[in-house]
């Protein structure tokens, strides 16, 4: 079994859809490969939406549990990432609906602490500047309306196209494009202010 896992990790050409279909037939190694590929972006997506680590962790785990439960019914109708982020989006919305709470972010979470090992350890000045930019971007992202924030995160974290974002969020493509355009415009404007 460990050889299989190693095979999937090494085989970057195996599509997510093929891995999910293999998992549907009981191939646990295929699920592990999917998990390794998508765990970071899905977690960051949830954390950016929730702005609360405990809630993000809970919802993140629920997304993967739903994927596990749905494996036998899975059919390739769109990209796997569209399917996965639709599960994440629905889990996020359902969580707040159940609590009958309007979605408001807790601004205390530092997103730059999540998977941030790519900063240069040899250049403290560059690291400080990068940290400052990340904190500013994180704050700007948190200040976006939820609809714009979610579209931006799907584009950046999941690498989705506008049609995929529209399908994931069950909105039309023009709405997705418009939300993304406004989000990018606001983020650029905020980053250019000194």
C-alpha atoms as a PDB file:
ATOM      1  CA  UNK A   1       0.000   0.000   0.000  1.00  0.00           C
ATOM      2  CA  UNK A   2       2.774   2.479   0.823  1.00  0.00           C
ATOM      3  CA  UNK A   3       4.192   1.875  -2.642  1.00  0.00           C
ATOM      4  CA  UNK A   4       0.843   2.920  -4.100  1.00  0.00           C
ATOM      5  CA  UNK A   5       0.801   6.132  -2.065  1.00  0.00           C
ATOM      6  CA  UNK A   6       4.311   6.907  -3.191  1.00  0.00           C
ATOM      7  CA  UNK A   7       3.248   6.239  -6.796  1.00  0.00           C
ATOM      8  CA  UNK A   8       0.377   8.744  -6.650  1.00  0.00           C
ATOM      9  CA  UNK A   9       2.500  11.388  -4.978  1.00  0.00           C
ATOM     10  CA  UNK A  10       5.126  10.996  -7.663  1.00  0.00           C
ATOM     11  CA  UNK A  11       2.619  10.867 -10.533  1.00  0.00           C
ATOM     12  CA  UNK A  12       1.705  14.524 -11.046  1.00  0.00           C
ATOM     13  CA  UNK A  13       0.019  13.642 -14.349  1.00  0.00           C
ATOM     14  CA  UNK A  14      -2.802  11.717 -12.669  1.00  0.00           C
ATOM     15  CA  UNK A  15      -5.760  14.087 -12.672  1.00  0.00           C
ATOM     16  CA  UNK A  16      -7.734  14.858  -9.556  1.00  0.00           C
ATOM     17  CA  UNK A  17     -10.791  13.442 -11.272  1.00  0.00           C
ATOM     18  CA  UNK A  18      -9.028  10.119 -11.930  1.00  0.00           C
ATOM     19  CA  UNK A  19      -7.829   9.992  -8.345  1.00  0.00           C
ATOM     20  CA  UNK A  20     -11.352  10.606  -7.057  1.00  0.00           C
ATOM     21  CA  UNK A  21     -12.755   7.898  -9.333  1.00  0.00           C
ATOM     22  CA  UNK A  22     -10.088   5.508  -8.063  1.00  0.00           C
ATOM     23  CA  UNK A  23     -10.964   6.442  -4.511  1.00  0.00           C
ATOM     24  CA  UNK A  24     -14.644   5.766  -5.270  1.00  0.00           C
ATOM     25  CA  UNK A  25     -13.663   2.171  -6.037  1.00  0.00           C
ATOM     26  CA  UNK A  26     -11.851   1.838  -2.713  1.00  0.00           C
ATOM     27  CA  UNK A  27      -8.331   3.009  -3.539  1.00  0.00           C
ATOM     28  CA  UNK A  28      -7.362   4.772  -0.293  1.00  0.00           C
ATOM     29  CA  UNK A  29      -4.007   5.837  -1.710  1.00  0.00           C
ATOM     30  CA  UNK A  30      -5.851   7.924  -4.310  1.00  0.00           C
ATOM     31  CA  UNK A  31      -7.643   9.801  -1.541  1.00  0.00           C
ATOM     32  CA  UNK A  32      -4.363  10.387   0.268  1.00  0.00           C
ATOM     33  CA  UNK A  33      -2.889  11.865  -2.910  1.00  0.00           C
ATOM     34  CA  UNK A  34      -5.894  14.185  -3.282  1.00  0.00           C
ATOM     35  CA  UNK A  35      -5.602  15.216   0.341  1.00  0.00           C
ATOM     36  CA  UNK A  36      -1.900  16.010  -0.007  1.00  0.00           C
ATOM     37  CA  UNK A  37      -2.568  18.087  -3.134  1.00  0.00           C
ATOM     38  CA  UNK A  38      -5.414  20.144  -1.708  1.00  0.00           C
ATOM     39  CA  UNK A  39      -5.114  20.277   2.088  1.00  0.00           C
ATOM     40  CA  UNK A  40      -3.217  23.588   2.253  1.00  0.00           C
ATOM     41  CA  UNK A  41      -5.348  25.594  -0.172  1.00  0.00           C
ATOM     42  CA  UNK A  42      -8.639  24.269   1.260  1.00  0.00           C
ATOM     43  CA  UNK A  43      -7.556  25.067   4.813  1.00  0.00           C
ATOM     44  CA  UNK A  44      -6.421  28.582   3.869  1.00  0.00           C
ATOM     45  CA  UNK A  45      -9.676  29.113   1.987  1.00  0.00           C
ATOM     46  CA  UNK A  46     -11.689  28.176   5.098  1.00  0.00           C
ATOM     47  CA  UNK A  47      -9.460  30.220   7.403  1.00  0.00           C
ATOM     48  CA  UNK A  48      -9.712  33.284   5.189  1.00  0.00           C
ATOM     49  CA  UNK A  49     -13.499  32.961   5.126  1.00  0.00           C
ATOM     50  CA  UNK A  50     -13.945  32.271   8.860  1.00  0.00           C
ATOM     51  CA  UNK A  51     -11.087  34.320  10.320  1.00  0.00           C
ATOM     52  CA  UNK A  52     -11.298  31.966  13.295  1.00  0.00           C
ATOM     53  CA  UNK A  53      -8.868  29.061  13.514  1.00  0.00           C
ATOM     54  CA  UNK A  54     -11.103  26.765  15.577  1.00  0.00           C
ATOM     55  CA  UNK A  55     -14.092  27.195  13.248  1.00  0.00           C
ATOM     56  CA  UNK A  56     -11.900  26.907  10.142  1.00  0.00           C
ATOM     57  CA  UNK A  57     -10.370  23.666  11.421  1.00  0.00           C
ATOM     58  CA  UNK A  58     -13.791  22.203  12.210  1.00  0.00           C
ATOM     59  CA  UNK A  59     -15.223  23.145   8.809  1.00  0.00           C
ATOM     60  CA  UNK A  60     -12.073  21.938   7.044  1.00  0.00           C
ATOM     61  CA  UNK A  61     -12.448  18.504   8.650  1.00  0.00           C
ATOM     62  CA  UNK A  62     -16.144  18.422   7.746  1.00  0.00           C
ATOM     63  CA  UNK A  63     -15.343  19.133   4.096  1.00  0.00           C
ATOM     64  CA  UNK A  64     -13.045  16.116   3.932  1.00  0.00           C
ATOM     65  CA  UNK A  65     -15.584  13.960   5.773  1.00  0.00           C
ATOM     66  CA  UNK A  66     -18.267  14.935   3.255  1.00  0.00           C
ATOM     67  CA  UNK A  67     -15.907  14.090   0.419  1.00  0.00           C
ATOM     68  CA  UNK A  68     -15.271  10.674   1.970  1.00  0.00           C
ATOM     69  CA  UNK A  69     -19.007  10.029   2.379  1.00  0.00           C
ATOM     70  CA  UNK A  70     -19.755  11.140  -1.199  1.00  0.00           C
ATOM     71  CA  UNK A  71     -17.025   9.092  -2.874  1.00  0.00           C
ATOM     72  CA  UNK A  72     -19.266   6.299  -4.181  1.00  0.00           C
ATOM     73  CA  UNK A  73     -21.691   8.790  -5.757  1.00  0.00           C
ATOM     74  CA  UNK A  74     -18.979  10.954  -7.307  1.00  0.00           C
ATOM     75  CA  UNK A  75     -19.277  11.544 -11.046  1.00  0.00           C
ATOM     76  CA  UNK A  76     -17.066  13.720 -13.181  1.00  0.00           C
ATOM     77  CA  UNK A  77     -19.330  16.602 -14.173  1.00  0.00           C
ATOM     78  CA  UNK A  78     -16.747  19.355 -13.674  1.00  0.00           C
ATOM     79  CA  UNK A  79     -13.214  19.731 -12.405  1.00  0.00           C
ATOM     80  CA  UNK A  80     -12.604  18.036  -9.072  1.00  0.00           C
ATOM     81  CA  UNK A  81     -11.574  21.360  -7.533  1.00  0.00           C
ATOM     82  CA  UNK A  82     -14.961  22.809  -8.449  1.00  0.00           C
ATOM     83  CA  UNK A  83     -16.589  19.891  -6.642  1.00  0.00           C
ATOM     84  CA  UNK A  84     -14.281  20.178  -3.622  1.00  0.00           C
ATOM     85  CA  UNK A  85     -14.666  23.936  -3.198  1.00  0.00           C
ATOM     86  CA  UNK A  86     -18.427  23.661  -3.680  1.00  0.00           C
ATOM     87  CA  UNK A  87     -18.384  21.304  -0.672  1.00  0.00           C
ATOM     88  CA  UNK A  88     -16.255  23.835   1.234  1.00  0.00           C
ATOM     89  CA  UNK A  89     -18.498  26.763   0.284  1.00  0.00           C
ATOM     90  CA  UNK A  90     -21.640  24.874   1.281  1.00  0.00           C
ATOM     91  CA  UNK A  91     -20.075  23.759   4.567  1.00  0.00           C
ATOM     92  CA  UNK A  92     -19.172  27.362   5.383  1.00  0.00           C
ATOM     93  CA  UNK A  93     -22.659  28.655   4.561  1.00  0.00           C
ATOM     94  CA  UNK A  94     -24.396  25.788   6.407  1.00  0.00           C
ATOM     95  CA  UNK A  95     -22.316  26.374   9.519  1.00  0.00           C
ATOM     96  CA  UNK A  96     -23.438  29.979   9.819  1.00  0.00           C
ATOM     97  CA  UNK A  97     -27.024  29.211   8.845  1.00  0.00           C
ATOM     98  CA  UNK A  98     -27.276  26.622  11.636  1.00  0.00           C
ATOM     99  CA  UNK A  99     -26.034  29.180  14.131  1.00  0.00           C
ATOM    100  CA  UNK A 100     -28.365  31.819  12.677  1.00  0.00           C
ATOM    101  CA  UNK A 101     -25.422  34.210  12.644  1.00  0.00           C
ATOM    102  CA  UNK A 102     -24.577  36.856  10.091  1.00  0.00           C
ATOM    103  CA  UNK A 103     -21.098  36.149   8.736  1.00  0.00           C
ATOM    104  CA  UNK A 104     -18.665  38.557  10.359  1.00  0.00           C
ATOM    105  CA  UNK A 105     -14.947  37.945  10.448  1.00  0.00           C
ATOM    106  CA  UNK A 106     -12.804  37.878  13.578  1.00  0.00           C
ATOM    107  CA  UNK A 107      -9.910  40.113  12.586  1.00  0.00           C
ATOM    108  CA  UNK A 108      -7.504  38.586  15.121  1.00  0.00           C
ATOM    109  CA  UNK A 109      -6.269  35.658  13.000  1.00  0.00           C
ATOM    110  CA  UNK A 110      -2.904  36.168  11.347  1.00  0.00           C
ATOM    111  CA  UNK A 111      -3.095  34.463   7.969  1.00  0.00           C
ATOM    112  CA  UNK A 112       0.606  34.948   7.410  1.00  0.00           C
ATOM    113  CA  UNK A 113       1.282  32.325  10.092  1.00  0.00           C
ATOM    114  CA  UNK A 114      -0.330  29.627   7.932  1.00  0.00           C
ATOM    115  CA  UNK A 115       2.101  27.689   5.736  1.00  0.00           C
ATOM    116  CA  UNK A 116       4.565  30.512   5.531  1.00  0.00           C
ATOM    117  CA  UNK A 117       7.868  28.667   5.252  1.00  0.00           C
ATOM    118  CA  UNK A 118       8.861  30.176   1.927  1.00  0.00           C
ATOM    119  CA  UNK A 119      10.340  33.400   3.270  1.00  0.00           C
ATOM    120  CA  UNK A 120      14.063  33.826   2.962  1.00  0.00           C
ATOM    121  CA  UNK A 121      15.763  33.049   6.257  1.00  0.00           C
ATOM    122  CA  UNK A 122      18.973  34.668   5.052  1.00  0.00           C
ATOM    123  CA  UNK A 123      17.484  38.082   4.396  1.00  0.00           C
ATOM    124  CA  UNK A 124      15.756  39.499   7.506  1.00  0.00           C
ATOM    125  CA  UNK A 125      14.955  42.815   5.791  1.00  0.00           C
ATOM    126  CA  UNK A 126      13.221  41.045   2.884  1.00  0.00           C
ATOM    127  CA  UNK A 127      11.405  38.797   5.359  1.00  0.00           C
ATOM    128  CA  UNK A 128      10.169  41.790   7.379  1.00  0.00           C
ATOM    129  CA  UNK A 129       9.017  43.571   4.232  1.00  0.00           C
ATOM    130  CA  UNK A 130       7.241  40.443   2.985  1.00  0.00           C
ATOM    131  CA  UNK A 131       5.588  39.936   6.389  1.00  0.00           C
ATOM    132  CA  UNK A 132       4.376  43.536   6.352  1.00  0.00           C
ATOM    133  CA  UNK A 133       2.925  43.142   2.850  1.00  0.00           C
ATOM    134  CA  UNK A 134       1.222  39.863   3.817  1.00  0.00           C
ATOM    135  CA  UNK A 135      -0.327  41.445   6.910  1.00  0.00           C
ATOM    136  CA  UNK A 136      -1.562  44.388   4.870  1.00  0.00           C
ATOM    137  CA  UNK A 137      -2.995  42.088   2.187  1.00  0.00           C
ATOM    138  CA  UNK A 138      -4.614  39.917   4.854  1.00  0.00           C
ATOM    139  CA  UNK A 139      -6.284  42.965   6.389  1.00  0.00           C
ATOM    140  CA  UNK A 140      -7.433  44.215   2.991  1.00  0.00           C
ATOM    141  CA  UNK A 141      -8.795  40.787   2.131  1.00  0.00           C
ATOM    142  CA  UNK A 142     -10.708  40.661   5.411  1.00  0.00           C
ATOM    143  CA  UNK A 143     -12.248  44.048   4.655  1.00  0.00           C
ATOM    144  CA  UNK A 144     -13.710  42.919   1.330  1.00  0.00           C
ATOM    145  CA  UNK A 145     -17.401  42.038   1.201  1.00  0.00           C
ATOM    146  CA  UNK A 146     -17.863  38.275   1.670  1.00  0.00           C
ATOM    147  CA  UNK A 147     -18.920  37.734  -1.950  1.00  0.00           C
ATOM    148  CA  UNK A 148     -15.789  39.411  -3.322  1.00  0.00           C
ATOM    149  CA  UNK A 149     -13.545  37.745  -0.771  1.00  0.00           C
ATOM    150  CA  UNK A 150     -14.812  34.281  -1.646  1.00  0.00           C
ATOM    151  CA  UNK A 151     -14.414  34.776  -5.401  1.00  0.00           C
ATOM    152  CA  UNK A 152     -10.873  36.084  -4.901  1.00  0.00           C
ATOM    153  CA  UNK A 153      -9.951  33.135  -2.653  1.00  0.00           C
ATOM    154  CA  UNK A 154     -11.314  30.597  -5.122  1.00  0.00           C
ATOM    155  CA  UNK A 155      -9.209  32.217  -7.832  1.00  0.00           C
ATOM    156  CA  UNK A 156      -6.031  32.452  -5.756  1.00  0.00           C
ATOM    157  CA  UNK A 157      -6.227  29.386  -3.487  1.00  0.00           C
ATOM    158  CA  UNK A 158      -7.965  26.943  -5.814  1.00  0.00           C
ATOM    159  CA  UNK A 159      -6.678  28.391  -9.084  1.00  0.00           C
ATOM    160  CA  UNK A 160     -10.202  28.373 -10.503  1.00  0.00           C
ATOM    161  CA  UNK A 161     -11.264  30.099 -13.684  1.00  0.00           C
ATOM    162  CA  UNK A 162     -14.244  32.472 -13.731  1.00  0.00           C
ATOM    163  CA  UNK A 163     -16.593  29.775 -15.129  1.00  0.00           C
ATOM    164  CA  UNK A 164     -15.473  27.348 -12.411  1.00  0.00           C
ATOM    165  CA  UNK A 165     -15.986  29.983  -9.718  1.00  0.00           C
ATOM    166  CA  UNK A 166     -19.459  30.700 -11.073  1.00  0.00           C
ATOM    167  CA  UNK A 167     -20.325  27.006 -11.014  1.00  0.00           C
ATOM    168  CA  UNK A 168     -18.916  26.529  -7.505  1.00  0.00           C
ATOM    169  CA  UNK A 169     -20.879  29.449  -6.085  1.00  0.00           C
ATOM    170  CA  UNK A 170     -23.996  28.863  -8.218  1.00  0.00           C
ATOM    171  CA  UNK A 171     -23.854  32.346  -9.729  1.00  0.00           C
ATOM    172  CA  UNK A 172     -23.606  33.479 -13.337  1.00  0.00           C
ATOM    173  CA  UNK A 173     -20.229  34.144 -14.937  1.00  0.00           C
ATOM    174  CA  UNK A 174     -20.785  37.885 -15.198  1.00  0.00           C
ATOM    175  CA  UNK A 175     -21.405  38.107 -11.452  1.00  0.00           C
ATOM    176  CA  UNK A 176     -18.269  36.069 -10.755  1.00  0.00           C
ATOM    177  CA  UNK A 177     -16.207  38.226 -13.123  1.00  0.00           C
ATOM    178  CA  UNK A 178     -17.583  41.433 -11.630  1.00  0.00           C
ATOM    179  CA  UNK A 179     -16.930  40.334  -8.034  1.00  0.00           C
ATOM    180  CA  UNK A 180     -13.394  39.299  -8.929  1.00  0.00           C
ATOM    181  CA  UNK A 181     -12.724  42.571 -10.732  1.00  0.00           C
ATOM    182  CA  UNK A 182     -13.966  44.628  -7.754  1.00  0.00           C
ATOM    183  CA  UNK A 183     -11.959  42.520  -5.298  1.00  0.00           C
ATOM    184  CA  UNK A 184      -8.732  42.886  -7.271  1.00  0.00           C
ATOM    185  CA  UNK A 185      -9.320  46.598  -7.753  1.00  0.00           C
ATOM    186  CA  UNK A 186      -9.864  47.167  -4.022  1.00  0.00           C
ATOM    187  CA  UNK A 187      -6.839  45.058  -3.073  1.00  0.00           C
ATOM    188  CA  UNK A 188      -4.591  46.889  -5.548  1.00  0.00           C
ATOM    189  CA  UNK A 189      -5.806  50.255  -4.359  1.00  0.00           C
ATOM    190  CA  UNK A 190      -5.241  49.280  -0.734  1.00  0.00           C
ATOM    191  CA  UNK A 191      -1.753  47.937  -1.399  1.00  0.00           C
ATOM    192  CA  UNK A 192      -0.730  51.082  -3.283  1.00  0.00           C
ATOM    193  CA  UNK A 193      -1.635  53.342  -0.323  1.00  0.00           C
ATOM    194  CA  UNK A 194       1.348  53.985   1.906  1.00  0.00           C
END
